[in-house]
């Protein structure tokens, strides 16, 4: 049995799957690959078997579970660890092992590739610190706890049940905020961005140039006009319902 199940999602960016699939296939830790494929309304369904021949694929043609659906999909994984990954993240070939090593060093935790610290006095989606691959080429010398994790999540499968504790207030946006809040409220697990050595791309959670190019295309959710206002509402709701930020706990 594999140690890790990687969950990839395909929606409006099927052209990125080949690069991402190869990045997981080339990992130093073997991973089963599951694809959560939602076919956009009115578009032709792609045959992903040629792009990702060893992957197991679930297809929805008339239903969109948005970003949060992949977390519930991952609950079916039979492996010790799950890796849930945005469609514009291209990890270095040793990243999964780096996540396992981080959990061994820190203790049980949720490893994320990109994290923010927030300010509870503001009650908005407004960071006081940004950590992770988008800060490259800056280094991160120690595993760092954050309030919100995004872009990818590596965790023990047994901890994924945290996603079921509360309904999100918005299904179309903010699954990263929602999961981060549930981790904080219902467990003592820290949300950790692993170390980054700027000279060791094999351990990076994402290839910087590819990630920035892919994540800034026309399908990027942050380009939606109501993106920040929705996330402001989510942050305020979560702070008023038990989310304790890092700065308030230290």
C-alpha atoms as a PDB file:
ATOM      1  CA  UNK A   1       0.000   0.000   0.000  1.00  0.00           C
ATOM      2  CA  UNK A   2       1.181   3.507  -0.792  1.00  0.00           C
ATOM      3  CA  UNK A   3       2.081   5.900   2.033  1.00  0.00           C
ATOM      4  CA  UNK A   4       0.491   8.983   0.426  1.00  0.00           C
ATOM      5  CA  UNK A   5      -2.568   9.714  -1.689  1.00  0.00           C
ATOM      6  CA  UNK A   6      -2.315  12.915  -3.717  1.00  0.00           C
ATOM      7  CA  UNK A   7      -5.563  14.651  -4.633  1.00  0.00           C
ATOM      8  CA  UNK A   8      -5.403  16.741  -7.811  1.00  0.00           C
ATOM      9  CA  UNK A   9      -8.364  18.733  -9.056  1.00  0.00           C
ATOM     10  CA  UNK A  10      -9.134  19.501 -12.683  1.00  0.00           C
ATOM     11  CA  UNK A  11     -11.708  22.089 -13.704  1.00  0.00           C
ATOM     12  CA  UNK A  12     -10.893  24.894 -16.144  1.00  0.00           C
ATOM     13  CA  UNK A  13      -7.165  24.187 -16.398  1.00  0.00           C
ATOM     14  CA  UNK A  14      -6.778  20.663 -17.840  1.00  0.00           C
ATOM     15  CA  UNK A  15      -3.732  21.861 -19.769  1.00  0.00           C
ATOM     16  CA  UNK A  16      -1.802  22.048 -16.483  1.00  0.00           C
ATOM     17  CA  UNK A  17      -2.463  18.461 -15.440  1.00  0.00           C
ATOM     18  CA  UNK A  18       0.414  16.885 -17.385  1.00  0.00           C
ATOM     19  CA  UNK A  19       3.032  19.047 -15.637  1.00  0.00           C
ATOM     20  CA  UNK A  20       1.493  18.538 -12.211  1.00  0.00           C
ATOM     21  CA  UNK A  21       0.995  14.809 -12.671  1.00  0.00           C
ATOM     22  CA  UNK A  22       4.641  14.393 -13.690  1.00  0.00           C
ATOM     23  CA  UNK A  23       5.751  16.349 -10.615  1.00  0.00           C
ATOM     24  CA  UNK A  24       3.905  13.887  -8.366  1.00  0.00           C
ATOM     25  CA  UNK A  25       5.071  10.845 -10.335  1.00  0.00           C
ATOM     26  CA  UNK A  26       8.676  12.009  -9.869  1.00  0.00           C
ATOM     27  CA  UNK A  27       8.441  12.385  -6.086  1.00  0.00           C
ATOM     28  CA  UNK A  28      10.975  10.527  -3.967  1.00  0.00           C
ATOM     29  CA  UNK A  29       7.993   9.176  -2.004  1.00  0.00           C
ATOM     30  CA  UNK A  30       5.604   7.047  -4.038  1.00  0.00           C
ATOM     31  CA  UNK A  31       2.079   8.430  -4.100  1.00  0.00           C
ATOM     32  CA  UNK A  32      -1.216   7.169  -5.392  1.00  0.00           C
ATOM     33  CA  UNK A  33      -2.807   9.913  -7.526  1.00  0.00           C
ATOM     34  CA  UNK A  34      -6.524  10.665  -7.466  1.00  0.00           C
ATOM     35  CA  UNK A  35      -8.044  13.262  -9.754  1.00  0.00           C
ATOM     36  CA  UNK A  36     -11.222  15.132  -8.853  1.00  0.00           C
ATOM     37  CA  UNK A  37     -12.426  16.230 -12.296  1.00  0.00           C
ATOM     38  CA  UNK A  38     -15.329  18.635 -12.734  1.00  0.00           C
ATOM     39  CA  UNK A  39     -16.319  19.259 -16.350  1.00  0.00           C
ATOM     40  CA  UNK A  40     -17.345  22.914 -16.837  1.00  0.00           C
ATOM     41  CA  UNK A  41     -20.909  23.374 -18.059  1.00  0.00           C
ATOM     42  CA  UNK A  42     -21.095  23.406 -21.850  1.00  0.00           C
ATOM     43  CA  UNK A  43     -17.545  22.122 -22.330  1.00  0.00           C
ATOM     44  CA  UNK A  44     -16.283  18.851 -23.732  1.00  0.00           C
ATOM     45  CA  UNK A  45     -14.976  16.267 -21.289  1.00  0.00           C
ATOM     46  CA  UNK A  46     -11.285  15.483 -21.761  1.00  0.00           C
ATOM     47  CA  UNK A  47      -9.943  11.944 -21.703  1.00  0.00           C
ATOM     48  CA  UNK A  48      -7.415  12.290 -18.891  1.00  0.00           C
ATOM     49  CA  UNK A  49      -6.114   8.736 -19.236  1.00  0.00           C
ATOM     50  CA  UNK A  50      -3.493   9.760 -21.776  1.00  0.00           C
ATOM     51  CA  UNK A  51      -2.342  12.668 -19.590  1.00  0.00           C
ATOM     52  CA  UNK A  52      -2.336  10.819 -16.260  1.00  0.00           C
ATOM     53  CA  UNK A  53      -2.363   7.098 -17.100  1.00  0.00           C
ATOM     54  CA  UNK A  54      -1.934   5.718 -13.557  1.00  0.00           C
ATOM     55  CA  UNK A  55      -4.326   8.113 -11.836  1.00  0.00           C
ATOM     56  CA  UNK A  56      -7.737   7.197 -10.470  1.00  0.00           C
ATOM     57  CA  UNK A  57     -10.331   9.729 -11.629  1.00  0.00           C
ATOM     58  CA  UNK A  58     -13.746  10.760 -10.355  1.00  0.00           C
ATOM     59  CA  UNK A  59     -15.767  12.793 -12.878  1.00  0.00           C
ATOM     60  CA  UNK A  60     -18.714  15.141 -12.350  1.00  0.00           C
ATOM     61  CA  UNK A  61     -20.473  16.466 -15.429  1.00  0.00           C
ATOM     62  CA  UNK A  62     -23.462  18.332 -13.990  1.00  0.00           C
ATOM     63  CA  UNK A  63     -22.406  19.233 -10.466  1.00  0.00           C
ATOM     64  CA  UNK A  64     -19.707  21.508  -9.071  1.00  0.00           C
ATOM     65  CA  UNK A  65     -18.554  20.955  -5.484  1.00  0.00           C
ATOM     66  CA  UNK A  66     -16.101  23.840  -5.841  1.00  0.00           C
ATOM     67  CA  UNK A  67     -12.811  23.929  -3.982  1.00  0.00           C
ATOM     68  CA  UNK A  68     -14.002  22.190  -0.837  1.00  0.00           C
ATOM     69  CA  UNK A  69     -15.212  19.020  -2.572  1.00  0.00           C
ATOM     70  CA  UNK A  70     -11.698  17.613  -2.908  1.00  0.00           C
ATOM     71  CA  UNK A  71     -11.306  17.515   0.895  1.00  0.00           C
ATOM     72  CA  UNK A  72     -14.338  15.242   1.181  1.00  0.00           C
ATOM     73  CA  UNK A  73     -13.081  13.190  -1.765  1.00  0.00           C
ATOM     74  CA  UNK A  74      -9.801  12.684   0.127  1.00  0.00           C
ATOM     75  CA  UNK A  75     -11.675  11.178   3.097  1.00  0.00           C
ATOM     76  CA  UNK A  76     -11.868   7.986   1.030  1.00  0.00           C
ATOM     77  CA  UNK A  77      -8.077   7.618   0.747  1.00  0.00           C
ATOM     78  CA  UNK A  78      -6.685   4.401   2.313  1.00  0.00           C
ATOM     79  CA  UNK A  79      -3.213   5.828   3.029  1.00  0.00           C
ATOM     80  CA  UNK A  80      -1.583   7.224   6.161  1.00  0.00           C
ATOM     81  CA  UNK A  81      -1.097  10.645   4.544  1.00  0.00           C
ATOM     82  CA  UNK A  82      -3.018  12.752   2.053  1.00  0.00           C
ATOM     83  CA  UNK A  83      -1.703  15.595  -0.066  1.00  0.00           C
ATOM     84  CA  UNK A  84      -4.366  17.963  -1.404  1.00  0.00           C
ATOM     85  CA  UNK A  85      -3.024  20.275  -4.052  1.00  0.00           C
ATOM     86  CA  UNK A  86      -4.291  23.299  -6.005  1.00  0.00           C
ATOM     87  CA  UNK A  87      -4.131  22.912  -9.783  1.00  0.00           C
ATOM     88  CA  UNK A  88      -1.351  25.506 -10.172  1.00  0.00           C
ATOM     89  CA  UNK A  89       1.111  24.000  -7.675  1.00  0.00           C
ATOM     90  CA  UNK A  90       4.176  22.144  -9.016  1.00  0.00           C
ATOM     91  CA  UNK A  91       6.130  20.654  -6.091  1.00  0.00           C
ATOM     92  CA  UNK A  92       9.806  19.803  -6.156  1.00  0.00           C
ATOM     93  CA  UNK A  93      10.586  16.108  -6.337  1.00  0.00           C
ATOM     94  CA  UNK A  94      11.386  15.786  -2.606  1.00  0.00           C
ATOM     95  CA  UNK A  95       8.501  17.890  -1.289  1.00  0.00           C
ATOM     96  CA  UNK A  96       6.361  15.007  -0.006  1.00  0.00           C
ATOM     97  CA  UNK A  97       9.334  13.624   1.910  1.00  0.00           C
ATOM     98  CA  UNK A  98      10.024  17.151   3.217  1.00  0.00           C
ATOM     99  CA  UNK A  99       6.461  17.243   4.563  1.00  0.00           C
ATOM    100  CA  UNK A 100       6.885  13.883   6.304  1.00  0.00           C
ATOM    101  CA  UNK A 101      10.192  15.067   7.781  1.00  0.00           C
ATOM    102  CA  UNK A 102       8.506  18.271   8.972  1.00  0.00           C
ATOM    103  CA  UNK A 103       5.799  16.299  10.794  1.00  0.00           C
ATOM    104  CA  UNK A 104       8.496  14.115  12.351  1.00  0.00           C
ATOM    105  CA  UNK A 105      10.346  17.238  13.542  1.00  0.00           C
ATOM    106  CA  UNK A 106       7.438  19.406  14.692  1.00  0.00           C
ATOM    107  CA  UNK A 107       5.097  16.673  15.850  1.00  0.00           C
ATOM    108  CA  UNK A 108       1.694  15.991  14.375  1.00  0.00           C
ATOM    109  CA  UNK A 109       0.636  19.023  12.345  1.00  0.00           C
ATOM    110  CA  UNK A 110      -0.887  20.147   9.059  1.00  0.00           C
ATOM    111  CA  UNK A 111       1.774  21.151   6.519  1.00  0.00           C
ATOM    112  CA  UNK A 112       0.828  23.878   4.057  1.00  0.00           C
ATOM    113  CA  UNK A 113       2.776  25.379   1.175  1.00  0.00           C
ATOM    114  CA  UNK A 114       1.618  28.958   1.713  1.00  0.00           C
ATOM    115  CA  UNK A 115       0.495  30.649   4.901  1.00  0.00           C
ATOM    116  CA  UNK A 116      -0.689  33.914   6.363  1.00  0.00           C
ATOM    117  CA  UNK A 117      -0.832  35.360   9.829  1.00  0.00           C
ATOM    118  CA  UNK A 118      -3.803  37.626  10.456  1.00  0.00           C
ATOM    119  CA  UNK A 119      -4.828  40.352  12.906  1.00  0.00           C
ATOM    120  CA  UNK A 120      -7.913  39.650  15.023  1.00  0.00           C
ATOM    121  CA  UNK A 121      -8.495  43.360  15.668  1.00  0.00           C
ATOM    122  CA  UNK A 122      -9.063  44.018  11.964  1.00  0.00           C
ATOM    123  CA  UNK A 123     -11.559  41.196  11.261  1.00  0.00           C
ATOM    124  CA  UNK A 124     -10.634  41.181   7.588  1.00  0.00           C
ATOM    125  CA  UNK A 125      -8.643  39.056   5.182  1.00  0.00           C
ATOM    126  CA  UNK A 126      -5.555  41.176   5.728  1.00  0.00           C
ATOM    127  CA  UNK A 127      -2.206  39.567   6.490  1.00  0.00           C
ATOM    128  CA  UNK A 128       0.434  40.625   8.992  1.00  0.00           C
ATOM    129  CA  UNK A 129       2.889  38.058   7.620  1.00  0.00           C
ATOM    130  CA  UNK A 130       3.201  35.921   4.477  1.00  0.00           C
ATOM    131  CA  UNK A 131       5.162  32.658   4.430  1.00  0.00           C
ATOM    132  CA  UNK A 132       5.893  29.956   1.896  1.00  0.00           C
ATOM    133  CA  UNK A 133       6.736  29.487  -1.749  1.00  0.00           C
ATOM    134  CA  UNK A 134       5.401  32.863  -2.932  1.00  0.00           C
ATOM    135  CA  UNK A 135       8.180  34.506  -0.882  1.00  0.00           C
ATOM    136  CA  UNK A 136      10.899  32.827  -2.930  1.00  0.00           C
ATOM    137  CA  UNK A 137      13.780  33.400  -3.292  1.00  0.00           C
ATOM    138  CA  UNK A 138      13.659  34.264   0.426  1.00  0.00           C
ATOM    139  CA  UNK A 139      14.520  31.411   2.772  1.00  0.00           C
ATOM    140  CA  UNK A 140      12.478  30.155   5.717  1.00  0.00           C
ATOM    141  CA  UNK A 141      14.892  28.715   8.239  1.00  0.00           C
ATOM    142  CA  UNK A 142      12.431  27.117  10.667  1.00  0.00           C
ATOM    143  CA  UNK A 143       9.033  25.479  10.301  1.00  0.00           C
ATOM    144  CA  UNK A 144       6.632  28.366  10.883  1.00  0.00           C
ATOM    145  CA  UNK A 145       3.129  28.338  12.336  1.00  0.00           C
ATOM    146  CA  UNK A 146       0.499  30.324  10.457  1.00  0.00           C
ATOM    147  CA  UNK A 147      -3.188  31.135  10.858  1.00  0.00           C
ATOM    148  CA  UNK A 148      -4.295  30.296   7.335  1.00  0.00           C
ATOM    149  CA  UNK A 149      -2.789  27.730   5.005  1.00  0.00           C
ATOM    150  CA  UNK A 150      -3.418  27.512   1.303  1.00  0.00           C
ATOM    151  CA  UNK A 151      -2.371  26.162  -2.104  1.00  0.00           C
ATOM    152  CA  UNK A 152      -1.633  22.691  -0.722  1.00  0.00           C
ATOM    153  CA  UNK A 153      -2.088  20.681   2.451  1.00  0.00           C
ATOM    154  CA  UNK A 154      -0.161  17.617   3.600  1.00  0.00           C
ATOM    155  CA  UNK A 155      -1.525  15.793   6.638  1.00  0.00           C
ATOM    156  CA  UNK A 156      -2.236  12.494   8.264  1.00  0.00           C
ATOM    157  CA  UNK A 157      -5.464  11.106   6.851  1.00  0.00           C
ATOM    158  CA  UNK A 158      -6.861  10.612  10.371  1.00  0.00           C
ATOM    159  CA  UNK A 159      -6.859  14.397  10.848  1.00  0.00           C
ATOM    160  CA  UNK A 160      -8.827  15.140   7.707  1.00  0.00           C
ATOM    161  CA  UNK A 161     -12.117  14.551   9.545  1.00  0.00           C
ATOM    162  CA  UNK A 162     -11.714  18.090  10.917  1.00  0.00           C
ATOM    163  CA  UNK A 163     -13.183  19.336   7.629  1.00  0.00           C
ATOM    164  CA  UNK A 164     -16.540  17.835   8.638  1.00  0.00           C
ATOM    165  CA  UNK A 165     -16.993  19.714  11.933  1.00  0.00           C
ATOM    166  CA  UNK A 166     -18.871  22.740  10.566  1.00  0.00           C
ATOM    167  CA  UNK A 167     -20.519  23.828   7.352  1.00  0.00           C
ATOM    168  CA  UNK A 168     -18.689  26.599   5.470  1.00  0.00           C
ATOM    169  CA  UNK A 169     -20.558  29.875   5.145  1.00  0.00           C
ATOM    170  CA  UNK A 170     -19.520  30.042   1.477  1.00  0.00           C
ATOM    171  CA  UNK A 171     -18.903  27.083  -0.825  1.00  0.00           C
ATOM    172  CA  UNK A 172     -17.506  28.990  -3.801  1.00  0.00           C
ATOM    173  CA  UNK A 173     -14.579  30.647  -2.004  1.00  0.00           C
ATOM    174  CA  UNK A 174     -12.525  30.349   1.165  1.00  0.00           C
ATOM    175  CA  UNK A 175     -12.031  26.613   1.640  1.00  0.00           C
ATOM    176  CA  UNK A 176      -8.503  27.404   2.852  1.00  0.00           C
ATOM    177  CA  UNK A 177      -9.822  29.778   5.517  1.00  0.00           C
ATOM    178  CA  UNK A 178     -12.532  27.306   6.520  1.00  0.00           C
ATOM    179  CA  UNK A 179     -10.160  24.364   6.941  1.00  0.00           C
ATOM    180  CA  UNK A 180      -7.637  26.510   8.817  1.00  0.00           C
ATOM    181  CA  UNK A 181     -10.357  27.659  11.209  1.00  0.00           C
ATOM    182  CA  UNK A 182     -11.570  24.109  11.859  1.00  0.00           C
ATOM    183  CA  UNK A 183      -8.027  22.884  12.532  1.00  0.00           C
ATOM    184  CA  UNK A 184      -7.573  25.672  15.054  1.00  0.00           C
ATOM    185  CA  UNK A 185     -10.970  25.367  16.761  1.00  0.00           C
ATOM    186  CA  UNK A 186     -11.283  21.603  16.984  1.00  0.00           C
ATOM    187  CA  UNK A 187      -7.695  20.425  17.454  1.00  0.00           C
ATOM    188  CA  UNK A 188      -4.360  21.406  18.908  1.00  0.00           C
ATOM    189  CA  UNK A 189      -2.557  20.752  15.627  1.00  0.00           C
ATOM    190  CA  UNK A 190      -0.398  23.626  14.393  1.00  0.00           C
ATOM    191  CA  UNK A 191      -0.660  24.724  10.766  1.00  0.00           C
ATOM    192  CA  UNK A 192       2.931  24.756   9.539  1.00  0.00           C
ATOM    193  CA  UNK A 193       4.808  26.137   6.533  1.00  0.00           C
ATOM    194  CA  UNK A 194       7.948  23.979   6.185  1.00  0.00           C
ATOM    195  CA  UNK A 195      11.465  25.288   5.836  1.00  0.00           C
ATOM    196  CA  UNK A 196      12.561  26.701   2.494  1.00  0.00           C
ATOM    197  CA  UNK A 197      16.145  26.598   1.298  1.00  0.00           C
ATOM    198  CA  UNK A 198      16.328  28.953  -1.667  1.00  0.00           C
ATOM    199  CA  UNK A 199      19.131  26.832  -3.160  1.00  0.00           C
ATOM    200  CA  UNK A 200      17.276  23.519  -2.882  1.00  0.00           C
ATOM    201  CA  UNK A 201      14.285  23.544  -5.265  1.00  0.00           C
ATOM    202  CA  UNK A 202      13.747  19.787  -4.801  1.00  0.00           C
ATOM    203  CA  UNK A 203      12.206  20.609  -1.409  1.00  0.00           C
ATOM    204  CA  UNK A 204      10.116  23.555  -2.581  1.00  0.00           C
ATOM    205  CA  UNK A 205       6.352  23.187  -2.385  1.00  0.00           C
ATOM    206  CA  UNK A 206       6.054  24.830  -5.789  1.00  0.00           C
ATOM    207  CA  UNK A 207       8.294  25.805  -8.674  1.00  0.00           C
ATOM    208  CA  UNK A 208       8.202  29.585  -8.344  1.00  0.00           C
ATOM    209  CA  UNK A 209       8.110  30.585 -12.008  1.00  0.00           C
ATOM    210  CA  UNK A 210       5.623  27.926 -13.060  1.00  0.00           C
ATOM    211  CA  UNK A 211       3.389  28.529 -10.068  1.00  0.00           C
ATOM    212  CA  UNK A 212       3.276  32.278 -10.577  1.00  0.00           C
ATOM    213  CA  UNK A 213       2.538  31.951 -14.298  1.00  0.00           C
ATOM    214  CA  UNK A 214      -0.130  29.301 -13.888  1.00  0.00           C
ATOM    215  CA  UNK A 215      -1.756  30.930 -10.876  1.00  0.00           C
ATOM    216  CA  UNK A 216      -2.178  34.289 -12.568  1.00  0.00           C
ATOM    217  CA  UNK A 217      -4.104  33.169 -15.623  1.00  0.00           C
ATOM    218  CA  UNK A 218      -7.661  34.251 -16.431  1.00  0.00           C
ATOM    219  CA  UNK A 219      -9.164  31.496 -14.274  1.00  0.00           C
ATOM    220  CA  UNK A 220      -7.506  32.653 -11.031  1.00  0.00           C
ATOM    221  CA  UNK A 221     -10.196  33.004  -8.339  1.00  0.00           C
ATOM    222  CA  UNK A 222      -8.512  35.996  -6.735  1.00  0.00           C
ATOM    223  CA  UNK A 223      -9.362  37.970  -9.885  1.00  0.00           C
ATOM    224  CA  UNK A 224     -13.089  37.677  -9.192  1.00  0.00           C
ATOM    225  CA  UNK A 225     -14.434  41.091  -8.200  1.00  0.00           C
ATOM    226  CA  UNK A 226     -15.990  39.842  -4.947  1.00  0.00           C
ATOM    227  CA  UNK A 227     -13.013  37.691  -3.907  1.00  0.00           C
ATOM    228  CA  UNK A 228     -11.756  39.856  -1.046  1.00  0.00           C
ATOM    229  CA  UNK A 229     -15.195  40.897   0.211  1.00  0.00           C
ATOM    230  CA  UNK A 230     -16.259  37.242   0.533  1.00  0.00           C
ATOM    231  CA  UNK A 231     -13.064  36.399   2.369  1.00  0.00           C
ATOM    232  CA  UNK A 232     -13.531  39.396   4.680  1.00  0.00           C
ATOM    233  CA  UNK A 233     -16.942  37.986   5.621  1.00  0.00           C
ATOM    234  CA  UNK A 234     -15.481  34.542   6.253  1.00  0.00           C
ATOM    235  CA  UNK A 235     -12.686  35.873   8.479  1.00  0.00           C
ATOM    236  CA  UNK A 236     -15.111  37.960  10.528  1.00  0.00           C
ATOM    237  CA  UNK A 237     -17.477  35.004  10.955  1.00  0.00           C
ATOM    238  CA  UNK A 238     -14.680  32.695  12.038  1.00  0.00           C
ATOM    239  CA  UNK A 239     -13.171  35.148  14.505  1.00  0.00           C
ATOM    240  CA  UNK A 240     -16.593  35.582  16.077  1.00  0.00           C
ATOM    241  CA  UNK A 241     -17.030  31.822  16.355  1.00  0.00           C
ATOM    242  CA  UNK A 242     -13.872  30.690  18.101  1.00  0.00           C
ATOM    243  CA  UNK A 243     -10.902  31.151  15.756  1.00  0.00           C
ATOM    244  CA  UNK A 244      -7.874  32.028  17.925  1.00  0.00           C
ATOM    245  CA  UNK A 245      -5.111  33.618  15.899  1.00  0.00           C
ATOM    246  CA  UNK A 246      -1.414  33.031  16.464  1.00  0.00           C
ATOM    247  CA  UNK A 247      -0.755  36.551  17.778  1.00  0.00           C
ATOM    248  CA  UNK A 248      -3.493  36.181  20.403  1.00  0.00           C
ATOM    249  CA  UNK A 249      -2.181  32.827  21.624  1.00  0.00           C
ATOM    250  CA  UNK A 250       1.441  33.893  22.078  1.00  0.00           C
END
